[in-house]
């Protein structure tokens, strides 16, 4: 629901809405304790990264997520997982060079 609110904000940014989203973020992620150590650590870490996570409130033109860049690198990651990586340093260098070449449009 919070992510949806950020996406809606990008479509119609306003100072008032940005203030509401910051306050909502605080309510969600600035909890004293949930009773679950792992969840508490995660919430603290997310709260520490608040500025970066809410950068869209200052600059609505930037993407909220990195799905596009992750999709672009997915085929090479999949191949690396299947093949188990490279056998030699030369193979790794060759792979890195090929990944650096621009894809045809």
Protein backbone atom coordinates (compact mmCIF):
# COMPACT_ATOMS: atom_id res chain seq x y z
CA UNK A 1 0.00 0.00 0.00
CA UNK A 2 2.86 2.42 0.78
CA UNK A 3 4.55 1.61 -2.52
CA UNK A 4 1.26 2.28 -4.33
CA UNK A 5 1.05 5.66 -2.56
CA UNK A 6 4.58 6.52 -3.77
CA UNK A 7 3.61 5.60 -7.34
CA UNK A 8 0.50 7.80 -7.08
CA UNK A 9 2.66 10.63 -5.72
CA UNK A 10 4.89 10.45 -8.80
CA UNK A 11 1.83 11.14 -10.96
CA UNK A 12 0.72 14.20 -8.97
CA UNK A 13 3.43 15.41 -6.57
CA UNK A 14 2.55 17.93 -3.85
CA UNK A 15 4.24 19.27 -0.72
CA UNK A 16 1.31 18.19 1.46
CA UNK A 17 1.35 14.62 0.09
CA UNK A 18 5.14 14.42 0.57
CA UNK A 19 4.73 15.38 4.23
CA UNK A 20 2.01 12.75 4.69
CA UNK A 21 4.16 10.06 3.07
CA UNK A 22 7.16 10.92 5.28
CA UNK A 23 4.98 10.68 8.39
CA UNK A 24 3.52 7.38 7.17
CA UNK A 25 7.02 6.02 6.54
CA UNK A 26 7.96 6.91 10.11
CA UNK A 27 4.86 5.15 11.50
CA UNK A 28 5.67 2.00 9.54
CA UNK A 29 9.44 1.77 10.00
CA UNK A 30 10.20 3.59 13.26
CA UNK A 31 8.78 1.05 15.68
CA UNK A 32 10.25 0.43 19.10
CA UNK A 33 9.99 -3.35 18.85
CA UNK A 34 7.92 -5.97 17.07
CA UNK A 35 9.10 -8.85 19.23
CA UNK A 36 10.95 -10.42 16.29
CA UNK A 37 14.70 -9.68 16.25
CA UNK A 38 15.15 -10.17 12.50
CA UNK A 39 12.19 -7.96 11.65
CA UNK A 40 13.36 -5.31 14.12
CA UNK A 41 16.81 -5.23 12.47
CA UNK A 42 15.23 -4.93 9.03
CA UNK A 43 12.96 -2.08 10.13
CA UNK A 44 15.90 -0.21 11.69
CA UNK A 45 17.96 -0.66 8.53
CA UNK A 46 15.13 0.59 6.32
CA UNK A 47 14.58 3.58 8.60
CA UNK A 48 18.30 4.45 8.45
CA UNK A 49 17.97 4.51 4.64
CA UNK A 50 14.90 6.75 4.73
CA UNK A 51 16.47 9.59 2.70
CA UNK A 52 17.39 7.31 -0.17
CA UNK A 53 14.14 5.36 -0.08
CA UNK A 54 12.06 8.54 -0.17
CA UNK A 55 14.19 10.42 -2.70
CA UNK A 56 11.22 10.26 -5.08
CA UNK A 57 9.47 12.81 -2.85
CA UNK A 58 12.13 15.37 -3.78
CA UNK A 59 12.63 14.21 -7.38
CA UNK A 60 9.46 12.55 -8.76
CA UNK A 61 11.13 12.01 -12.15
CA UNK A 62 13.49 9.33 -10.84
CA UNK A 63 12.36 5.68 -10.86
CA UNK A 64 11.15 4.17 -7.59
CA UNK A 65 12.75 0.80 -8.32
CA UNK A 66 15.54 -0.73 -10.38
CA UNK A 67 13.47 -3.40 -12.12
CA UNK A 68 14.48 -2.17 -15.58
CA UNK A 69 18.20 -2.51 -14.92
CA UNK A 70 17.68 -5.87 -13.21
CA UNK A 71 15.71 -7.15 -16.20
CA UNK A 72 18.53 -6.07 -18.53
CA UNK A 73 21.11 -8.07 -16.59
CA UNK A 74 18.87 -11.12 -16.02
CA UNK A 75 19.94 -13.21 -19.07
CA UNK A 76 23.64 -13.05 -18.17
CA UNK A 77 22.91 -13.82 -14.52
CA UNK A 78 20.81 -16.82 -15.53
CA UNK A 79 23.55 -18.15 -17.81
CA UNK A 80 26.17 -17.71 -15.09
CA UNK A 81 24.03 -19.63 -12.59
CA UNK A 82 23.43 -22.49 -15.04
CA UNK A 83 27.05 -22.78 -16.18
CA UNK A 84 28.53 -22.29 -12.72
CA UNK A 85 30.55 -19.26 -13.78
CA UNK A 86 33.82 -19.22 -15.64
CA UNK A 87 36.67 -21.69 -15.29
CA UNK A 88 39.55 -19.28 -15.77
CA UNK A 89 40.48 -15.65 -15.38
CA UNK A 90 40.56 -15.31 -19.18
CA UNK A 91 37.03 -16.66 -19.37
CA UNK A 92 35.86 -14.17 -16.75
CA UNK A 93 37.57 -11.32 -18.62
CA UNK A 94 35.98 -12.39 -21.91
CA UNK A 95 32.53 -12.58 -20.29
CA UNK A 96 32.96 -9.13 -18.73
CA UNK A 97 34.01 -7.66 -22.09
CA UNK A 98 31.01 -9.17 -23.84
CA UNK A 99 28.64 -7.88 -21.14
CA UNK A 100 30.11 -4.40 -21.60
CA UNK A 101 29.24 -4.27 -25.30
CA UNK A 102 26.04 -2.39 -26.10
CA UNK A 103 23.03 -4.45 -27.12
CA UNK A 104 21.56 -3.83 -30.57
CA UNK A 105 18.29 -1.91 -30.48
